[in-house]
Amino acid sequence: MDQVCQHISEITEIKKAAAYECEECVKVDGRWMHLRTCQTCGATLCCDSSPAKHMTQHYHQTGHPVASSAEPGEQWLWCYKDEAFVEYD
């Protein structure tokens, strides 16, 4: 991971989704499009294409800056604070 933001460069192990569902949507019988996993606490929440945008809300509420895609076959990280994106192997 060359030339990435500090938040992404500090990640040494990628947290994976414990279940393929948005934790918050499940509580309110909501719908999600794609899932993201918080790299600070491991919460798996819906993306901005989803009606509730729970992962972005999570960032604003907690300050946890980096999320990974929880979608099968996608391997990337996004830093909300620095608006930085990186793919990984």
N, C-alpha and C. Protein backbone atom coordinates (compact mmCIF):
# COMPACT_ATOMS: atom_id res chain seq x y z
N MET A 1 0.83 -1.17 0.00
CA MET A 1 0.00 0.00 0.00
C MET A 1 0.88 1.24 0.00
N ASP A 2 1.32 1.65 -1.14
CA ASP A 2 2.19 2.81 -1.26
C ASP A 2 1.37 4.09 -1.36
N GLN A 3 1.90 5.16 -0.76
CA GLN A 3 1.30 6.49 -0.88
C GLN A 3 -0.19 6.51 -0.54
N VAL A 4 -0.53 5.95 0.59
CA VAL A 4 -1.92 5.99 1.04
C VAL A 4 -2.00 6.84 2.30
N CYS A 5 -3.18 7.19 2.71
CA CYS A 5 -3.34 8.02 3.90
C CYS A 5 -2.88 7.26 5.15
N GLN A 6 -2.63 8.00 6.20
CA GLN A 6 -2.15 7.42 7.45
C GLN A 6 -3.13 6.40 8.01
N HIS A 7 -4.43 6.69 7.92
CA HIS A 7 -5.43 5.78 8.50
C HIS A 7 -5.40 4.41 7.82
N ILE A 8 -5.29 4.40 6.51
CA ILE A 8 -5.23 3.13 5.78
C ILE A 8 -3.89 2.45 6.02
N SER A 9 -2.80 3.21 6.03
CA SER A 9 -1.48 2.60 6.20
C SER A 9 -1.31 1.98 7.59
N GLU A 10 -2.09 2.39 8.56
CA GLU A 10 -1.99 1.82 9.91
C GLU A 10 -2.70 0.48 10.05
N ILE A 11 -3.49 0.09 9.06
CA ILE A 11 -4.21 -1.19 9.12
C ILE A 11 -3.25 -2.33 8.81
N THR A 12 -3.17 -3.28 9.73
CA THR A 12 -2.26 -4.42 9.54
C THR A 12 -3.02 -5.70 9.21
N GLU A 13 -4.31 -5.74 9.55
CA GLU A 13 -5.12 -6.92 9.25
C GLU A 13 -6.53 -6.44 8.89
N ILE A 14 -7.04 -6.89 7.76
CA ILE A 14 -8.36 -6.48 7.28
C ILE A 14 -9.44 -7.23 8.05
N LYS A 15 -10.34 -6.47 8.68
CA LYS A 15 -11.49 -7.08 9.36
C LYS A 15 -12.51 -7.48 8.30
N LYS A 16 -13.05 -8.68 8.44
CA LYS A 16 -14.05 -9.20 7.51
C LYS A 16 -15.43 -9.18 8.16
N ALA A 17 -16.47 -9.16 7.34
CA ALA A 17 -17.84 -9.18 7.84
C ALA A 17 -18.12 -10.49 8.57
N ALA A 18 -18.74 -10.40 9.73
CA ALA A 18 -19.12 -11.59 10.48
C ALA A 18 -20.34 -12.25 9.85
N ALA A 19 -21.21 -11.42 9.27
CA ALA A 19 -22.41 -11.91 8.59
C ALA A 19 -22.68 -11.00 7.40
N TYR A 20 -23.31 -11.52 6.38
CA TYR A 20 -23.58 -10.73 5.19
C TYR A 20 -24.93 -10.03 5.33
N GLU A 21 -24.96 -9.04 6.22
CA GLU A 21 -26.14 -8.23 6.44
C GLU A 21 -25.74 -6.92 7.11
N CYS A 22 -26.55 -5.89 6.91
CA CYS A 22 -26.32 -4.61 7.57
C CYS A 22 -26.89 -4.71 8.98
N GLU A 23 -26.05 -4.55 9.97
CA GLU A 23 -26.47 -4.69 11.37
C GLU A 23 -27.61 -3.74 11.73
N GLU A 24 -27.59 -2.53 11.20
CA GLU A 24 -28.63 -1.55 11.52
C GLU A 24 -29.90 -1.77 10.72
N CYS A 25 -29.78 -2.13 9.45
CA CYS A 25 -30.97 -2.41 8.64
C CYS A 25 -31.77 -3.57 9.22
N VAL A 26 -31.06 -4.58 9.73
CA VAL A 26 -31.73 -5.74 10.31
C VAL A 26 -32.62 -5.30 11.48
N LYS A 27 -32.15 -4.35 12.27
CA LYS A 27 -32.91 -3.88 13.45
C LYS A 27 -34.22 -3.19 13.07
N VAL A 28 -34.25 -2.55 11.89
CA VAL A 28 -35.44 -1.76 11.50
C VAL A 28 -36.13 -2.33 10.26
N ASP A 29 -35.79 -3.58 9.90
CA ASP A 29 -36.35 -4.23 8.71
C ASP A 29 -36.10 -3.39 7.46
N GLY A 30 -34.87 -2.84 7.37
CA GLY A 30 -34.49 -2.02 6.23
C GLY A 30 -33.88 -2.84 5.10
N ARG A 31 -33.52 -2.14 4.02
CA ARG A 31 -32.92 -2.79 2.86
C ARG A 31 -31.53 -2.22 2.63
N TRP A 32 -30.65 -3.03 2.09
CA TRP A 32 -29.31 -2.56 1.76
C TRP A 32 -28.93 -3.02 0.37
N MET A 33 -28.02 -2.26 -0.24
CA MET A 33 -27.50 -2.59 -1.57
C MET A 33 -26.17 -3.33 -1.46
N HIS A 34 -25.18 -2.66 -0.86
CA HIS A 34 -23.84 -3.22 -0.70
C HIS A 34 -23.40 -3.00 0.74
N LEU A 35 -22.47 -3.82 1.17
CA LEU A 35 -22.04 -3.77 2.56
C LEU A 35 -20.59 -3.35 2.70
N ARG A 36 -20.29 -2.69 3.81
CA ARG A 36 -18.95 -2.24 4.16
C ARG A 36 -18.66 -2.67 5.59
N THR A 37 -17.39 -2.95 5.88
CA THR A 37 -17.00 -3.34 7.23
C THR A 37 -16.05 -2.29 7.80
N CYS A 38 -16.38 -1.78 8.97
CA CYS A 38 -15.55 -0.79 9.66
C CYS A 38 -14.25 -1.46 10.08
N GLN A 39 -13.14 -0.83 9.77
CA GLN A 39 -11.84 -1.40 10.10
C GLN A 39 -11.38 -1.03 11.51
N THR A 40 -12.17 -0.25 12.23
CA THR A 40 -11.87 0.03 13.64
C THR A 40 -12.58 -0.96 14.55
N CYS A 41 -13.91 -1.11 14.35
CA CYS A 41 -14.69 -1.92 15.29
C CYS A 41 -15.29 -3.19 14.67
N GLY A 42 -15.22 -3.33 13.35
CA GLY A 42 -15.74 -4.53 12.70
C GLY A 42 -17.22 -4.51 12.37
N ALA A 43 -17.92 -3.40 12.62
CA ALA A 43 -19.34 -3.32 12.27
C ALA A 43 -19.51 -3.44 10.76
N THR A 44 -20.52 -4.19 10.33
CA THR A 44 -20.82 -4.31 8.92
C THR A 44 -22.14 -3.60 8.67
N LEU A 45 -22.07 -2.59 7.80
CA LEU A 45 -23.20 -1.70 7.57
C LEU A 45 -23.35 -1.42 6.08
N CYS A 46 -24.48 -0.81 5.70
CA CYS A 46 -24.77 -0.56 4.29
C CYS A 46 -24.06 0.67 3.76
N CYS A 47 -23.87 0.67 2.45
CA CYS A 47 -23.14 1.73 1.75
C CYS A 47 -24.05 2.90 1.38
N ASP A 48 -23.48 3.90 0.73
CA ASP A 48 -24.23 5.09 0.34
C ASP A 48 -25.21 4.85 -0.79
N SER A 49 -25.15 3.70 -1.47
CA SER A 49 -26.16 3.36 -2.47
C SER A 49 -27.43 2.82 -1.81
N SER A 50 -27.33 2.51 -0.54
CA SER A 50 -28.46 2.00 0.23
C SER A 50 -29.26 3.17 0.80
N PRO A 51 -30.57 2.97 1.01
CA PRO A 51 -31.40 4.07 1.50
C PRO A 51 -30.90 4.72 2.80
N ALA A 52 -30.44 3.94 3.76
CA ALA A 52 -30.08 4.49 5.07
C ALA A 52 -28.62 4.95 5.19
N LYS A 53 -27.75 4.50 4.30
CA LYS A 53 -26.34 4.91 4.33
C LYS A 53 -25.72 4.75 5.73
N HIS A 54 -25.91 3.57 6.31
CA HIS A 54 -25.48 3.36 7.69
C HIS A 54 -23.97 3.47 7.91
N MET A 55 -23.14 3.05 6.94
CA MET A 55 -21.69 3.14 7.18
C MET A 55 -21.24 4.60 7.25
N THR A 56 -21.77 5.45 6.42
CA THR A 56 -21.42 6.87 6.49
C THR A 56 -21.91 7.47 7.82
N GLN A 57 -23.11 7.09 8.24
CA GLN A 57 -23.61 7.55 9.54
C GLN A 57 -22.67 7.07 10.65
N HIS A 58 -22.22 5.85 10.55
CA HIS A 58 -21.30 5.27 11.55
C HIS A 58 -20.02 6.11 11.63
N TYR A 59 -19.47 6.46 10.48
CA TYR A 59 -18.27 7.30 10.47
C TYR A 59 -18.53 8.63 11.18
N HIS A 60 -19.63 9.29 10.87
CA HIS A 60 -19.93 10.59 11.47
C HIS A 60 -20.19 10.47 12.98
N GLN A 61 -20.77 9.37 13.42
CA GLN A 61 -21.07 9.19 14.84
C GLN A 61 -19.85 8.76 15.65
N THR A 62 -18.97 7.96 15.05
CA THR A 62 -17.86 7.36 15.80
C THR A 62 -16.49 7.95 15.46
N GLY A 63 -16.36 8.49 14.26
CA GLY A 63 -15.05 8.95 13.80
C GLY A 63 -14.17 7.83 13.28
N HIS A 64 -14.69 6.62 13.19
CA HIS A 64 -13.92 5.50 12.65
C HIS A 64 -13.72 5.76 11.16
N PRO A 65 -12.48 5.99 10.72
CA PRO A 65 -12.27 6.52 9.37
C PRO A 65 -12.28 5.54 8.21
N VAL A 66 -11.94 4.27 8.42
CA VAL A 66 -11.73 3.37 7.28
C VAL A 66 -12.74 2.24 7.26
N ALA A 67 -13.28 2.00 6.05
CA ALA A 67 -14.18 0.87 5.82
C ALA A 67 -13.65 0.07 4.65
N SER A 68 -13.93 -1.22 4.67
CA SER A 68 -13.59 -2.08 3.54
C SER A 68 -14.88 -2.55 2.89
N SER A 69 -14.79 -2.96 1.64
CA SER A 69 -15.94 -3.58 1.01
C SER A 69 -16.15 -4.95 1.64
N ALA A 70 -17.41 -5.27 1.91
CA ALA A 70 -17.74 -6.61 2.41
C ALA A 70 -18.35 -7.44 1.28
N GLU A 71 -18.27 -6.91 0.06
CA GLU A 71 -18.83 -7.61 -1.09
C GLU A 71 -17.88 -8.70 -1.58
N PRO A 72 -18.39 -9.88 -1.90
CA PRO A 72 -17.54 -10.94 -2.42
C PRO A 72 -16.77 -10.48 -3.67
N GLY A 73 -15.49 -10.78 -3.69
CA GLY A 73 -14.66 -10.44 -4.84
C GLY A 73 -14.10 -9.03 -4.85
N GLU A 74 -14.55 -8.17 -3.94
CA GLU A 74 -14.03 -6.81 -3.86
C GLU A 74 -13.03 -6.71 -2.72
N GLN A 75 -11.87 -6.13 -3.01
CA GLN A 75 -10.83 -6.00 -2.00
C GLN A 75 -10.31 -4.57 -2.03
N TRP A 76 -10.99 -3.70 -1.31
CA TRP A 76 -10.56 -2.31 -1.27
C TRP A 76 -10.92 -1.68 0.07
N LEU A 77 -10.24 -0.58 0.34
CA LEU A 77 -10.45 0.21 1.56
C LEU A 77 -10.78 1.64 1.17
N TRP A 78 -11.62 2.27 1.96
CA TRP A 78 -11.98 3.68 1.77
C TRP A 78 -11.81 4.40 3.10
N CYS A 79 -11.10 5.52 3.06
CA CYS A 79 -10.95 6.36 4.25
C CYS A 79 -11.90 7.55 4.10
N TYR A 80 -12.88 7.61 4.97
CA TYR A 80 -13.85 8.71 4.93
C TYR A 80 -13.17 10.05 5.24
N LYS A 81 -12.30 10.06 6.22
CA LYS A 81 -11.68 11.32 6.64
C LYS A 81 -10.83 11.94 5.53
N ASP A 82 -10.02 11.14 4.87
CA ASP A 82 -9.10 11.65 3.85
C ASP A 82 -9.61 11.44 2.42
N GLU A 83 -10.79 10.81 2.29
CA GLU A 83 -11.34 10.49 0.98
C GLU A 83 -10.29 9.77 0.12
N ALA A 84 -9.69 8.74 0.72
CA ALA A 84 -8.65 7.96 0.07
C ALA A 84 -9.16 6.55 -0.20
N PHE A 85 -8.79 6.01 -1.34
CA PHE A 85 -9.21 4.68 -1.79
C PHE A 85 -7.98 3.87 -2.16
N VAL A 86 -7.98 2.60 -1.77
CA VAL A 86 -6.89 1.72 -2.17
C VAL A 86 -7.42 0.30 -2.33
N GLU A 87 -6.95 -0.37 -3.38
CA GLU A 87 -7.25 -1.78 -3.56
C GLU A 87 -6.11 -2.58 -2.97
N TYR A 88 -6.40 -3.79 -2.51
CA TYR A 88 -5.36 -4.66 -1.94
C TYR A 88 -5.53 -6.07 -2.47
N ASP A 89 -4.49 -6.88 -2.26
CA ASP A 89 -4.52 -8.29 -2.70
C ASP A 89 -4.98 -9.19 -1.60
